[in-house]
N, C-alpha and C. Protein backbone atom coordinates (compact mmCIF):
# COMPACT_ATOMS: atom_id res chain seq x y z
N MET A 1 4.68 0.71 27.51
CA MET A 1 3.85 -0.46 27.75
C MET A 1 3.14 -0.85 26.45
N SER A 2 2.88 -2.14 26.33
CA SER A 2 2.22 -2.62 25.12
C SER A 2 0.92 -3.32 25.48
N MET A 3 0.09 -3.53 24.47
CA MET A 3 -1.20 -4.15 24.68
C MET A 3 -1.53 -5.00 23.47
N SER A 4 -2.48 -5.91 23.63
CA SER A 4 -3.00 -6.71 22.54
C SER A 4 -4.52 -6.67 22.62
N PHE A 5 -5.18 -6.66 21.47
CA PHE A 5 -6.64 -6.64 21.49
C PHE A 5 -7.20 -7.26 20.22
N GLU A 6 -8.47 -7.61 20.27
CA GLU A 6 -9.17 -8.24 19.15
C GLU A 6 -10.56 -7.62 19.06
N LYS A 7 -10.98 -7.28 17.83
CA LYS A 7 -12.28 -6.66 17.63
C LYS A 7 -12.94 -7.19 16.36
N VAL A 8 -14.28 -7.14 16.36
CA VAL A 8 -15.06 -7.58 15.21
C VAL A 8 -16.03 -6.46 14.85
N PHE A 9 -16.16 -6.18 13.53
CA PHE A 9 -17.06 -5.13 13.06
C PHE A 9 -17.95 -5.69 11.95
N SER A 10 -19.20 -5.26 11.95
CA SER A 10 -20.12 -5.65 10.90
C SER A 10 -19.84 -4.83 9.64
N PRO A 11 -19.92 -5.42 8.45
CA PRO A 11 -19.65 -4.67 7.22
C PRO A 11 -20.64 -3.53 6.98
N GLU A 12 -21.82 -3.62 7.59
CA GLU A 12 -22.80 -2.53 7.45
C GLU A 12 -22.40 -1.29 8.24
N GLU A 13 -21.44 -1.42 9.14
CA GLU A 13 -21.06 -0.29 10.00
C GLU A 13 -20.13 0.72 9.32
N PHE A 14 -19.42 0.30 8.26
CA PHE A 14 -18.43 1.21 7.69
C PHE A 14 -18.41 1.11 6.16
N THR A 15 -18.04 2.22 5.53
CA THR A 15 -17.89 2.28 4.07
C THR A 15 -16.46 2.60 3.67
N SER A 16 -15.64 3.02 4.61
CA SER A 16 -14.25 3.36 4.33
C SER A 16 -13.35 2.83 5.44
N LEU A 17 -12.05 2.77 5.13
CA LEU A 17 -11.06 2.26 6.09
C LEU A 17 -9.91 3.25 6.17
N LYS A 18 -9.55 3.63 7.39
CA LYS A 18 -8.45 4.57 7.61
C LYS A 18 -7.52 3.99 8.68
N ILE A 19 -6.24 3.82 8.31
CA ILE A 19 -5.26 3.22 9.21
C ILE A 19 -4.11 4.18 9.42
N THR A 20 -3.76 4.41 10.67
CA THR A 20 -2.58 5.20 11.02
C THR A 20 -1.75 4.37 11.98
N CYS A 21 -0.51 4.10 11.62
CA CYS A 21 0.29 3.23 12.46
C CYS A 21 1.76 3.61 12.40
N SER A 22 2.47 3.26 13.47
CA SER A 22 3.91 3.50 13.53
C SER A 22 4.57 2.29 14.16
N PHE A 23 5.64 1.81 13.49
CA PHE A 23 6.43 0.71 14.03
C PHE A 23 5.58 -0.55 14.24
N VAL A 24 4.91 -0.97 13.17
CA VAL A 24 4.06 -2.15 13.26
C VAL A 24 3.96 -2.80 11.88
N ASN A 25 3.88 -4.12 11.84
CA ASN A 25 3.63 -4.84 10.60
C ASN A 25 2.12 -5.00 10.43
N MET A 26 1.62 -4.63 9.25
CA MET A 26 0.18 -4.65 8.99
C MET A 26 -0.13 -5.64 7.88
N ASN A 27 -1.08 -6.53 8.14
CA ASN A 27 -1.51 -7.51 7.15
C ASN A 27 -3.02 -7.40 6.99
N ILE A 28 -3.47 -7.10 5.77
CA ILE A 28 -4.89 -6.92 5.50
C ILE A 28 -5.30 -7.80 4.33
N THR A 29 -6.31 -8.63 4.53
CA THR A 29 -6.80 -9.51 3.48
C THR A 29 -8.31 -9.37 3.36
N CYS A 30 -8.81 -9.62 2.17
CA CYS A 30 -10.25 -9.57 1.92
C CYS A 30 -10.68 -10.91 1.35
N GLY A 31 -11.74 -11.49 1.91
CA GLY A 31 -12.16 -12.81 1.45
C GLY A 31 -13.61 -13.10 1.75
N ASP A 32 -13.88 -14.33 2.16
CA ASP A 32 -15.24 -14.80 2.38
C ASP A 32 -15.73 -14.55 3.82
N ASN A 33 -15.12 -13.60 4.50
CA ASN A 33 -15.52 -13.32 5.88
C ASN A 33 -16.86 -12.60 5.92
N LYS A 34 -17.68 -12.92 6.91
CA LYS A 34 -18.95 -12.23 7.08
C LYS A 34 -18.78 -10.93 7.85
N GLU A 35 -17.69 -10.82 8.61
CA GLU A 35 -17.43 -9.63 9.42
C GLU A 35 -15.97 -9.22 9.24
N ALA A 36 -15.66 -7.99 9.66
CA ALA A 36 -14.29 -7.53 9.71
C ALA A 36 -13.69 -7.96 11.05
N HIS A 37 -12.58 -8.66 10.99
CA HIS A 37 -11.97 -9.24 12.18
C HIS A 37 -10.55 -8.68 12.32
N LEU A 38 -10.29 -7.97 13.42
CA LEU A 38 -9.01 -7.33 13.66
C LEU A 38 -8.34 -7.94 14.89
N VAL A 39 -7.06 -8.30 14.75
CA VAL A 39 -6.26 -8.78 15.87
C VAL A 39 -4.95 -7.99 15.87
N CYS A 40 -4.61 -7.38 17.01
CA CYS A 40 -3.37 -6.63 17.15
C CYS A 40 -2.58 -7.19 18.33
N SER A 41 -1.27 -7.31 18.16
CA SER A 41 -0.42 -7.90 19.19
C SER A 41 0.77 -7.00 19.50
N ASN A 42 1.00 -6.76 20.78
CA ASN A 42 2.15 -6.00 21.28
C ASN A 42 2.20 -4.57 20.75
N VAL A 43 1.05 -3.97 20.52
CA VAL A 43 1.01 -2.59 20.06
C VAL A 43 1.05 -1.65 21.27
N PRO A 44 1.48 -0.40 21.10
CA PRO A 44 1.58 0.52 22.23
C PRO A 44 0.23 0.80 22.88
N ASP A 45 0.26 1.06 24.17
CA ASP A 45 -0.95 1.45 24.89
C ASP A 45 -1.59 2.68 24.24
N GLY A 46 -2.90 2.70 24.26
CA GLY A 46 -3.64 3.80 23.65
C GLY A 46 -4.05 3.53 22.22
N SER A 47 -3.54 2.47 21.63
CA SER A 47 -3.97 2.10 20.28
C SER A 47 -5.44 1.67 20.30
N PHE A 48 -6.14 1.91 19.19
CA PHE A 48 -7.57 1.61 19.20
C PHE A 48 -8.08 1.34 17.79
N ALA A 49 -9.28 0.78 17.73
CA ALA A 49 -10.01 0.58 16.48
C ALA A 49 -11.48 0.82 16.77
N GLU A 50 -12.11 1.68 15.98
CA GLU A 50 -13.51 2.02 16.22
C GLU A 50 -14.13 2.60 14.96
N ILE A 51 -15.46 2.62 14.93
CA ILE A 51 -16.20 3.21 13.83
C ILE A 51 -16.42 4.69 14.12
N GLN A 52 -16.03 5.54 13.18
CA GLN A 52 -16.23 6.98 13.30
C GLN A 52 -16.93 7.50 12.05
N GLU A 53 -18.22 7.79 12.18
CA GLU A 53 -19.03 8.33 11.08
C GLU A 53 -18.88 7.50 9.81
N GLY A 54 -19.03 6.21 9.94
CA GLY A 54 -19.01 5.32 8.80
C GLY A 54 -17.63 4.92 8.32
N VAL A 55 -16.60 5.29 9.08
CA VAL A 55 -15.22 4.95 8.73
C VAL A 55 -14.65 4.05 9.82
N LEU A 56 -14.09 2.91 9.43
CA LEU A 56 -13.38 2.06 10.36
C LEU A 56 -11.98 2.64 10.55
N VAL A 57 -11.75 3.21 11.73
CA VAL A 57 -10.50 3.89 12.04
C VAL A 57 -9.65 2.99 12.92
N ILE A 58 -8.45 2.69 12.46
CA ILE A 58 -7.49 1.90 13.23
C ILE A 58 -6.27 2.78 13.46
N GLU A 59 -5.95 3.03 14.71
CA GLU A 59 -4.81 3.89 15.04
C GLU A 59 -3.89 3.16 16.00
N ILE A 60 -2.68 2.90 15.55
CA ILE A 60 -1.67 2.26 16.37
C ILE A 60 -0.69 3.33 16.82
N LYS A 61 -0.67 3.61 18.09
CA LYS A 61 0.13 4.71 18.62
C LYS A 61 1.63 4.46 18.46
N GLU A 62 2.38 5.53 18.53
CA GLU A 62 3.83 5.43 18.46
C GLU A 62 4.39 5.06 19.82
N LYS A 63 5.43 4.24 19.81
CA LYS A 63 6.06 3.83 21.06
C LYS A 63 6.79 5.00 21.69
N ASN A 64 6.83 4.99 23.02
CA ASN A 64 7.62 6.01 23.70
C ASN A 64 9.10 5.66 23.62
N LEU A 65 9.95 6.58 24.04
CA LEU A 65 11.39 6.40 23.89
C LEU A 65 11.90 5.18 24.65
N LEU A 66 11.38 4.93 25.85
CA LEU A 66 11.84 3.80 26.64
C LEU A 66 11.52 2.48 25.95
N ASP A 67 10.31 2.37 25.42
CA ASP A 67 9.92 1.14 24.72
C ASP A 67 10.75 0.94 23.45
N LYS A 68 11.08 2.05 22.77
CA LYS A 68 11.90 1.94 21.57
C LYS A 68 13.29 1.40 21.91
N LEU A 69 13.83 1.85 23.06
CA LEU A 69 15.15 1.39 23.47
C LEU A 69 15.11 -0.08 23.88
N LYS A 70 14.01 -0.51 24.48
CA LYS A 70 13.89 -1.90 24.91
C LYS A 70 13.69 -2.83 23.72
N GLN A 71 13.00 -2.34 22.72
CA GLN A 71 12.62 -3.20 21.59
C GLN A 71 13.23 -2.66 20.31
N ILE A 72 14.17 -3.40 19.76
CA ILE A 72 14.83 -2.98 18.53
C ILE A 72 14.06 -3.46 17.32
N SER A 73 13.49 -4.63 17.39
CA SER A 73 12.85 -5.24 16.24
C SER A 73 11.37 -4.92 16.18
N VAL A 74 10.86 -4.79 14.95
CA VAL A 74 9.44 -4.54 14.74
C VAL A 74 8.65 -5.83 14.54
N PHE A 75 9.35 -6.96 14.46
CA PHE A 75 8.70 -8.19 14.01
C PHE A 75 7.63 -8.71 14.95
N ASP A 76 7.73 -8.43 16.24
CA ASP A 76 6.73 -8.95 17.16
C ASP A 76 5.59 -7.98 17.41
N VAL A 77 5.54 -6.88 16.65
CA VAL A 77 4.45 -5.91 16.73
C VAL A 77 3.66 -6.00 15.44
N TRP A 78 2.41 -6.47 15.51
CA TRP A 78 1.69 -6.70 14.26
C TRP A 78 0.19 -6.55 14.44
N CYS A 79 -0.48 -6.30 13.32
CA CYS A 79 -1.94 -6.27 13.26
C CYS A 79 -2.39 -7.04 12.03
N ARG A 80 -3.44 -7.82 12.19
CA ARG A 80 -4.03 -8.57 11.07
C ARG A 80 -5.51 -8.21 10.98
N LEU A 81 -5.91 -7.80 9.80
CA LEU A 81 -7.30 -7.42 9.56
C LEU A 81 -7.85 -8.25 8.41
N GLU A 82 -8.93 -8.99 8.70
CA GLU A 82 -9.62 -9.75 7.67
C GLU A 82 -10.92 -9.04 7.34
N LEU A 83 -11.09 -8.69 6.07
CA LEU A 83 -12.26 -7.92 5.63
C LEU A 83 -13.21 -8.79 4.84
N PRO A 84 -14.51 -8.50 4.91
CA PRO A 84 -15.47 -9.16 4.00
C PRO A 84 -15.35 -8.54 2.61
N GLU A 85 -15.84 -9.24 1.62
CA GLU A 85 -15.81 -8.71 0.26
C GLU A 85 -16.80 -7.56 0.13
N LYS A 86 -16.28 -6.37 -0.10
CA LYS A 86 -17.12 -5.20 -0.31
C LYS A 86 -16.28 -4.11 -0.97
N MET A 87 -16.95 -3.23 -1.72
CA MET A 87 -16.28 -2.11 -2.35
C MET A 87 -16.25 -0.94 -1.37
N LEU A 88 -15.07 -0.58 -0.91
CA LEU A 88 -14.91 0.54 -0.01
C LEU A 88 -14.90 1.85 -0.79
N GLU A 89 -15.43 2.90 -0.18
CA GLU A 89 -15.35 4.21 -0.81
C GLU A 89 -13.91 4.70 -0.82
N SER A 90 -13.17 4.47 0.25
CA SER A 90 -11.78 4.88 0.30
C SER A 90 -10.99 3.97 1.24
N PHE A 91 -9.72 3.82 0.92
CA PHE A 91 -8.79 3.07 1.75
C PHE A 91 -7.57 3.95 1.96
N THR A 92 -7.25 4.24 3.23
CA THR A 92 -6.12 5.11 3.55
C THR A 92 -5.25 4.45 4.59
N GLU A 93 -3.95 4.39 4.31
CA GLU A 93 -3.00 3.86 5.29
C GLU A 93 -1.79 4.78 5.36
N THR A 94 -1.49 5.24 6.56
CA THR A 94 -0.30 6.05 6.81
C THR A 94 0.55 5.32 7.83
N ALA A 95 1.72 4.86 7.39
CA ALA A 95 2.56 4.02 8.23
C ALA A 95 3.92 4.67 8.46
N GLY A 96 4.50 4.40 9.63
CA GLY A 96 5.83 4.89 9.93
C GLY A 96 6.86 3.87 9.52
N ALA A 97 7.18 2.95 10.43
CA ALA A 97 8.13 1.88 10.15
C ALA A 97 7.41 0.54 10.28
N GLY A 98 7.66 -0.35 9.34
CA GLY A 98 7.01 -1.66 9.35
C GLY A 98 6.55 -2.02 7.96
N ASN A 99 6.34 -3.30 7.76
CA ASN A 99 5.92 -3.79 6.45
C ASN A 99 4.40 -3.88 6.37
N SER A 100 3.87 -3.68 5.17
CA SER A 100 2.43 -3.78 4.92
C SER A 100 2.17 -4.77 3.81
N THR A 101 1.22 -5.69 4.05
CA THR A 101 0.79 -6.64 3.04
C THR A 101 -0.71 -6.50 2.86
N LEU A 102 -1.14 -6.20 1.64
CA LEU A 102 -2.56 -5.97 1.34
C LEU A 102 -2.97 -6.92 0.23
N GLU A 103 -4.11 -7.61 0.43
CA GLU A 103 -4.53 -8.60 -0.56
C GLU A 103 -6.04 -8.58 -0.75
N GLY A 104 -6.46 -8.47 -2.01
CA GLY A 104 -7.86 -8.61 -2.36
C GLY A 104 -8.74 -7.42 -2.04
N ILE A 105 -8.17 -6.25 -1.79
CA ILE A 105 -8.95 -5.08 -1.40
C ILE A 105 -9.58 -4.44 -2.63
N SER A 106 -10.83 -4.00 -2.51
CA SER A 106 -11.52 -3.26 -3.56
C SER A 106 -11.98 -1.93 -3.01
N CYS A 107 -11.70 -0.86 -3.74
CA CYS A 107 -12.09 0.47 -3.27
C CYS A 107 -12.18 1.43 -4.45
N ALA A 108 -12.83 2.56 -4.21
CA ALA A 108 -12.89 3.59 -5.24
C ALA A 108 -11.59 4.37 -5.30
N GLN A 109 -11.07 4.76 -4.12
CA GLN A 109 -9.83 5.52 -4.04
C GLN A 109 -8.96 4.95 -2.94
N ALA A 110 -7.64 5.04 -3.15
CA ALA A 110 -6.70 4.55 -2.15
C ALA A 110 -5.52 5.51 -2.04
N ALA A 111 -5.03 5.68 -0.80
CA ALA A 111 -3.84 6.48 -0.54
C ALA A 111 -3.02 5.75 0.51
N ILE A 112 -1.79 5.39 0.15
CA ILE A 112 -0.92 4.62 1.02
C ILE A 112 0.41 5.35 1.14
N ARG A 113 0.84 5.60 2.38
CA ARG A 113 2.11 6.28 2.63
C ARG A 113 2.88 5.50 3.68
N SER A 114 4.16 5.28 3.41
CA SER A 114 5.01 4.53 4.33
C SER A 114 6.34 5.25 4.49
N GLY A 115 6.79 5.37 5.75
CA GLY A 115 8.07 6.02 6.00
C GLY A 115 9.23 5.08 5.71
N ALA A 116 9.24 3.93 6.37
CA ALA A 116 10.31 2.95 6.16
C ALA A 116 9.71 1.56 6.29
N GLY A 117 9.70 0.83 5.21
CA GLY A 117 9.13 -0.52 5.23
C GLY A 117 8.73 -0.94 3.83
N ASN A 118 8.62 -2.24 3.64
CA ASN A 118 8.22 -2.78 2.35
C ASN A 118 6.69 -2.84 2.24
N ILE A 119 6.19 -2.66 1.03
CA ILE A 119 4.76 -2.74 0.77
C ILE A 119 4.51 -3.80 -0.30
N VAL A 120 3.64 -4.76 0.02
CA VAL A 120 3.25 -5.79 -0.93
C VAL A 120 1.74 -5.70 -1.14
N ILE A 121 1.32 -5.53 -2.38
CA ILE A 121 -0.10 -5.41 -2.72
C ILE A 121 -0.42 -6.45 -3.78
N ASN A 122 -1.45 -7.25 -3.53
CA ASN A 122 -1.81 -8.31 -4.48
C ASN A 122 -3.32 -8.34 -4.69
N GLY A 123 -3.73 -8.37 -5.95
CA GLY A 123 -5.15 -8.52 -6.26
C GLY A 123 -5.99 -7.35 -5.82
N MET A 124 -5.54 -6.13 -6.06
CA MET A 124 -6.27 -4.94 -5.61
C MET A 124 -7.01 -4.30 -6.77
N THR A 125 -8.26 -3.90 -6.52
CA THR A 125 -9.07 -3.19 -7.50
C THR A 125 -9.32 -1.78 -7.01
N VAL A 126 -8.92 -0.80 -7.81
CA VAL A 126 -9.12 0.62 -7.47
C VAL A 126 -9.85 1.28 -8.64
N LYS A 127 -11.12 1.59 -8.46
CA LYS A 127 -11.94 2.07 -9.56
C LYS A 127 -11.45 3.41 -10.09
N GLU A 128 -11.07 4.32 -9.19
CA GLU A 128 -10.69 5.67 -9.62
C GLU A 128 -9.18 5.86 -9.63
N GLY A 129 -8.53 5.76 -8.48
CA GLY A 129 -7.10 5.97 -8.47
C GLY A 129 -6.47 5.65 -7.13
N MET A 130 -5.14 5.38 -7.19
CA MET A 130 -4.37 5.10 -5.99
C MET A 130 -3.09 5.91 -6.00
N GLN A 131 -2.75 6.46 -4.83
CA GLN A 131 -1.48 7.15 -4.64
C GLN A 131 -0.67 6.35 -3.63
N LEU A 132 0.57 6.04 -4.01
CA LEU A 132 1.46 5.26 -3.15
C LEU A 132 2.76 6.03 -2.98
N GLU A 133 3.13 6.28 -1.73
CA GLU A 133 4.34 7.05 -1.45
C GLU A 133 5.14 6.36 -0.36
N THR A 134 6.42 6.10 -0.64
CA THR A 134 7.28 5.45 0.33
C THR A 134 8.58 6.24 0.50
N GLY A 135 9.12 6.20 1.74
CA GLY A 135 10.40 6.84 1.99
C GLY A 135 11.54 5.90 1.68
N ALA A 136 11.61 4.78 2.41
CA ALA A 136 12.64 3.76 2.19
C ALA A 136 11.99 2.39 2.26
N GLY A 137 12.10 1.63 1.19
CA GLY A 137 11.48 0.31 1.17
C GLY A 137 11.04 -0.04 -0.24
N ASN A 138 10.89 -1.32 -0.49
CA ASN A 138 10.46 -1.80 -1.80
C ASN A 138 8.94 -1.84 -1.89
N SER A 139 8.42 -1.62 -3.09
CA SER A 139 6.98 -1.71 -3.36
C SER A 139 6.76 -2.77 -4.43
N ASP A 140 5.99 -3.79 -4.09
CA ASP A 140 5.71 -4.90 -5.01
C ASP A 140 4.20 -5.00 -5.19
N ILE A 141 3.71 -4.63 -6.38
CA ILE A 141 2.27 -4.58 -6.66
C ILE A 141 1.96 -5.55 -7.79
N THR A 142 1.10 -6.51 -7.54
CA THR A 142 0.73 -7.48 -8.57
C THR A 142 -0.79 -7.54 -8.71
N ASP A 143 -1.24 -7.79 -9.93
CA ASP A 143 -2.66 -7.97 -10.24
C ASP A 143 -3.50 -6.79 -9.76
N ILE A 144 -3.03 -5.58 -10.04
CA ILE A 144 -3.83 -4.39 -9.73
C ILE A 144 -4.67 -4.04 -10.95
N LYS A 145 -5.91 -3.63 -10.70
CA LYS A 145 -6.83 -3.29 -11.78
C LYS A 145 -7.55 -1.99 -11.44
N GLY A 146 -7.80 -1.19 -12.47
CA GLY A 146 -8.61 -0.01 -12.23
C GLY A 146 -8.12 1.24 -12.92
N GLY A 147 -8.23 2.37 -12.21
CA GLY A 147 -7.95 3.69 -12.77
C GLY A 147 -6.48 4.04 -12.78
N SER A 148 -6.15 5.16 -12.16
CA SER A 148 -4.78 5.64 -12.20
C SER A 148 -3.98 5.13 -11.01
N LEU A 149 -2.67 4.98 -11.23
CA LEU A 149 -1.73 4.62 -10.17
C LEU A 149 -0.59 5.62 -10.21
N LYS A 150 -0.38 6.30 -9.09
CA LYS A 150 0.73 7.24 -8.95
C LYS A 150 1.61 6.77 -7.80
N THR A 151 2.89 6.53 -8.07
CA THR A 151 3.80 6.09 -7.03
C THR A 151 4.99 7.04 -6.95
N LYS A 152 5.46 7.25 -5.72
CA LYS A 152 6.63 8.10 -5.48
C LYS A 152 7.46 7.44 -4.39
N THR A 153 8.73 7.18 -4.69
CA THR A 153 9.59 6.50 -3.73
C THR A 153 10.88 7.28 -3.52
N GLY A 154 11.42 7.18 -2.29
CA GLY A 154 12.70 7.78 -2.00
C GLY A 154 13.83 6.84 -2.33
N ALA A 155 13.87 5.70 -1.63
CA ALA A 155 14.89 4.68 -1.87
C ALA A 155 14.22 3.31 -1.83
N GLY A 156 14.29 2.60 -2.94
CA GLY A 156 13.66 1.27 -3.00
C GLY A 156 13.22 0.95 -4.41
N ASN A 157 13.07 -0.32 -4.68
CA ASN A 157 12.61 -0.78 -5.99
C ASN A 157 11.08 -0.77 -6.07
N VAL A 158 10.58 -0.53 -7.26
CA VAL A 158 9.13 -0.53 -7.51
C VAL A 158 8.83 -1.54 -8.60
N SER A 159 7.94 -2.49 -8.31
CA SER A 159 7.51 -3.49 -9.27
C SER A 159 5.99 -3.49 -9.34
N VAL A 160 5.44 -3.31 -10.56
CA VAL A 160 3.99 -3.22 -10.74
C VAL A 160 3.58 -4.15 -11.87
N ALA A 161 2.49 -4.88 -11.66
CA ALA A 161 1.91 -5.71 -12.71
C ALA A 161 0.39 -5.59 -12.63
N GLY A 162 -0.23 -5.35 -13.79
CA GLY A 162 -1.69 -5.24 -13.76
C GLY A 162 -2.24 -4.54 -14.98
N GLU A 163 -3.44 -3.99 -14.81
CA GLU A 163 -4.18 -3.36 -15.90
C GLU A 163 -4.72 -2.03 -15.39
N LEU A 164 -4.27 -0.92 -16.00
CA LEU A 164 -4.55 0.41 -15.47
C LEU A 164 -4.97 1.37 -16.58
N ASP A 165 -5.69 2.42 -16.17
CA ASP A 165 -6.00 3.50 -17.10
C ASP A 165 -4.77 4.38 -17.33
N SER A 166 -4.02 4.67 -16.25
CA SER A 166 -2.82 5.49 -16.39
C SER A 166 -1.82 5.13 -15.29
N LEU A 167 -0.54 5.42 -15.56
CA LEU A 167 0.53 5.09 -14.63
C LEU A 167 1.53 6.23 -14.58
N ALA A 168 1.84 6.69 -13.35
CA ALA A 168 2.85 7.73 -13.15
C ALA A 168 3.75 7.29 -12.02
N VAL A 169 5.05 7.19 -12.29
CA VAL A 169 6.02 6.69 -11.32
C VAL A 169 7.16 7.68 -11.19
N LYS A 170 7.53 7.99 -9.95
CA LYS A 170 8.69 8.84 -9.69
C LYS A 170 9.54 8.14 -8.64
N THR A 171 10.79 7.82 -9.00
CA THR A 171 11.67 7.10 -8.08
C THR A 171 12.92 7.93 -7.78
N GLY A 172 13.45 7.76 -6.56
CA GLY A 172 14.70 8.41 -6.19
C GLY A 172 15.87 7.52 -6.51
N THR A 173 16.02 6.47 -5.71
CA THR A 173 17.07 5.47 -5.93
C THR A 173 16.44 4.09 -5.95
N GLY A 174 16.56 3.39 -7.07
CA GLY A 174 15.98 2.06 -7.18
C GLY A 174 15.49 1.78 -8.58
N ASN A 175 15.29 0.52 -8.89
CA ASN A 175 14.81 0.11 -10.20
C ASN A 175 13.28 0.10 -10.23
N MET A 176 12.73 0.31 -11.43
CA MET A 176 11.29 0.29 -11.60
C MET A 176 10.93 -0.65 -12.74
N THR A 177 9.98 -1.57 -12.52
CA THR A 177 9.51 -2.47 -13.57
C THR A 177 7.99 -2.45 -13.62
N PHE A 178 7.44 -2.54 -14.82
CA PHE A 178 5.99 -2.67 -15.01
C PHE A 178 5.73 -3.75 -16.04
N ASP A 179 4.72 -4.58 -15.78
CA ASP A 179 4.33 -5.64 -16.71
C ASP A 179 2.81 -5.67 -16.75
N GLY A 180 2.24 -5.27 -17.89
CA GLY A 180 0.79 -5.27 -17.98
C GLY A 180 0.30 -4.30 -19.04
N SER A 181 -0.93 -3.82 -18.87
CA SER A 181 -1.57 -2.93 -19.84
C SER A 181 -1.88 -1.59 -19.20
N VAL A 182 -1.59 -0.52 -19.96
CA VAL A 182 -1.97 0.84 -19.57
C VAL A 182 -2.64 1.47 -20.78
N TYR A 183 -3.88 1.93 -20.63
CA TYR A 183 -4.64 2.41 -21.77
C TYR A 183 -4.47 3.89 -22.03
N GLY A 184 -4.13 4.65 -21.01
CA GLY A 184 -3.94 6.08 -21.18
C GLY A 184 -2.47 6.44 -21.26
N GLU A 185 -2.00 7.22 -20.29
CA GLU A 185 -0.64 7.76 -20.31
C GLU A 185 0.27 7.04 -19.32
N VAL A 186 1.50 6.81 -19.74
CA VAL A 186 2.55 6.27 -18.87
C VAL A 186 3.63 7.34 -18.71
N GLN A 187 3.92 7.70 -17.45
CA GLN A 187 4.97 8.67 -17.18
C GLN A 187 5.88 8.09 -16.10
N VAL A 188 7.16 7.95 -16.41
CA VAL A 188 8.12 7.42 -15.46
C VAL A 188 9.29 8.38 -15.34
N GLU A 189 9.61 8.78 -14.11
CA GLU A 189 10.75 9.65 -13.84
C GLU A 189 11.63 8.98 -12.79
N GLY A 190 12.84 8.62 -13.20
CA GLY A 190 13.74 7.92 -12.30
C GLY A 190 14.96 8.75 -11.96
N GLY A 191 15.46 8.57 -10.74
CA GLY A 191 16.68 9.26 -10.33
C GLY A 191 17.90 8.42 -10.63
N ILE A 192 18.12 7.38 -9.81
CA ILE A 192 19.21 6.44 -10.01
C ILE A 192 18.61 5.04 -10.07
N GLY A 193 18.68 4.41 -11.22
CA GLY A 193 18.12 3.07 -11.36
C GLY A 193 17.61 2.83 -12.77
N ASN A 194 17.35 1.58 -13.08
CA ASN A 194 16.87 1.19 -14.40
C ASN A 194 15.34 1.15 -14.44
N VAL A 195 14.79 1.39 -15.62
CA VAL A 195 13.34 1.35 -15.84
C VAL A 195 13.06 0.31 -16.93
N THR A 196 12.21 -0.66 -16.62
CA THR A 196 11.83 -1.69 -17.59
C THR A 196 10.32 -1.74 -17.69
N LEU A 197 9.78 -1.45 -18.88
CA LEU A 197 8.34 -1.49 -19.12
C LEU A 197 8.02 -2.61 -20.11
N THR A 198 7.19 -3.55 -19.69
CA THR A 198 6.71 -4.60 -20.57
C THR A 198 5.22 -4.36 -20.78
N LEU A 199 4.86 -3.86 -21.95
CA LEU A 199 3.49 -3.40 -22.21
C LEU A 199 2.77 -4.39 -23.12
N HIS A 200 1.57 -4.78 -22.69
CA HIS A 200 0.76 -5.74 -23.45
C HIS A 200 -0.19 -5.05 -24.43
N ASN A 201 -0.08 -3.74 -24.49
CA ASN A 201 -0.86 -2.96 -25.45
C ASN A 201 -0.04 -1.70 -25.76
N LYS A 202 -0.61 -0.82 -26.55
CA LYS A 202 0.06 0.43 -26.86
C LYS A 202 -0.68 1.58 -26.18
N PRO A 203 -0.10 2.15 -25.13
CA PRO A 203 -0.76 3.26 -24.44
C PRO A 203 -0.88 4.50 -25.34
N GLU A 204 -1.70 5.45 -24.91
CA GLU A 204 -1.85 6.69 -25.66
C GLU A 204 -0.54 7.46 -25.72
N LYS A 205 0.22 7.42 -24.60
CA LYS A 205 1.47 8.17 -24.54
C LYS A 205 2.39 7.52 -23.54
N VAL A 206 3.69 7.46 -23.87
CA VAL A 206 4.70 6.92 -22.97
C VAL A 206 5.84 7.92 -22.86
N GLY A 207 6.14 8.33 -21.63
CA GLY A 207 7.24 9.26 -21.39
C GLY A 207 8.12 8.75 -20.26
N THR A 208 9.41 8.68 -20.49
CA THR A 208 10.34 8.20 -19.46
C THR A 208 11.54 9.14 -19.38
N ARG A 209 12.08 9.25 -18.15
CA ARG A 209 13.27 10.06 -17.94
C ARG A 209 14.01 9.51 -16.73
N THR A 210 15.30 9.33 -16.86
CA THR A 210 16.11 8.86 -15.73
C THR A 210 17.37 9.71 -15.60
N GLY A 211 17.88 9.78 -14.37
CA GLY A 211 19.13 10.49 -14.15
C GLY A 211 20.31 9.59 -14.47
N ILE A 212 20.44 8.50 -13.72
CA ILE A 212 21.48 7.50 -13.96
C ILE A 212 20.80 6.14 -14.08
N GLY A 213 20.86 5.56 -15.26
CA GLY A 213 20.19 4.27 -15.48
C GLY A 213 19.70 4.19 -16.91
N LYS A 214 19.25 3.02 -17.31
CA LYS A 214 18.77 2.81 -18.67
C LYS A 214 17.27 2.53 -18.67
N VAL A 215 16.65 2.77 -19.83
CA VAL A 215 15.21 2.56 -20.00
C VAL A 215 14.99 1.52 -21.08
N ASP A 216 14.22 0.47 -20.76
CA ASP A 216 13.85 -0.55 -21.73
C ASP A 216 12.33 -0.61 -21.83
N ILE A 217 11.80 -0.48 -23.04
CA ILE A 217 10.35 -0.58 -23.28
C ILE A 217 10.11 -1.71 -24.25
N ASN A 218 9.36 -2.70 -23.81
CA ASN A 218 9.09 -3.88 -24.62
C ASN A 218 7.59 -4.04 -24.82
N TYR A 219 7.17 -4.26 -26.07
CA TYR A 219 5.76 -4.50 -26.38
C TYR A 219 5.58 -5.99 -26.68
N VAL A 220 4.61 -6.61 -26.03
CA VAL A 220 4.38 -8.03 -26.22
C VAL A 220 2.94 -8.28 -26.65
């Protein structure tokens, strides 16, 4: 069985955001909203969103076997969260299957994990560091600013553009591209695929290694 719900939270109620979801498309934006506004459609029964000790916890339950057999597509299962402009202490998302789109989020630390699905991140500020891990799916990150970025992918392309203190990328199968500035260390380890780095400055150290594929480093 599925359910739909809508909730509103005051920004004073939470300092961090934690999302756990399976088989759902997640869209999160940050803007001129005065409150956090969440709308979920066709999510499994038992899914919820609530404040737990200063953390906005959103948990979308996994579908049972019968519902999985009835519904092949993930497209009609979705959640949209509109956030007010604020610096979160932490942002955590653990996803099973489904696409995630994140825009305008600011936080000290971020951890994003996806089993199968594409991840699009735009205009994100991470003061300390972000860890991004995907099983199967493309990762497209633009206009990211802040500390360290560590990404690990199984199968899928990784595209990053922004300004970072350090960058560490490990890919299984897929191409990796970066366009922007890194002030500290750049480490790229690729399995099967090409690596293209377009650097707008000279980092302290650049190290690349691939199994099958070529490496291009361009300074502009």
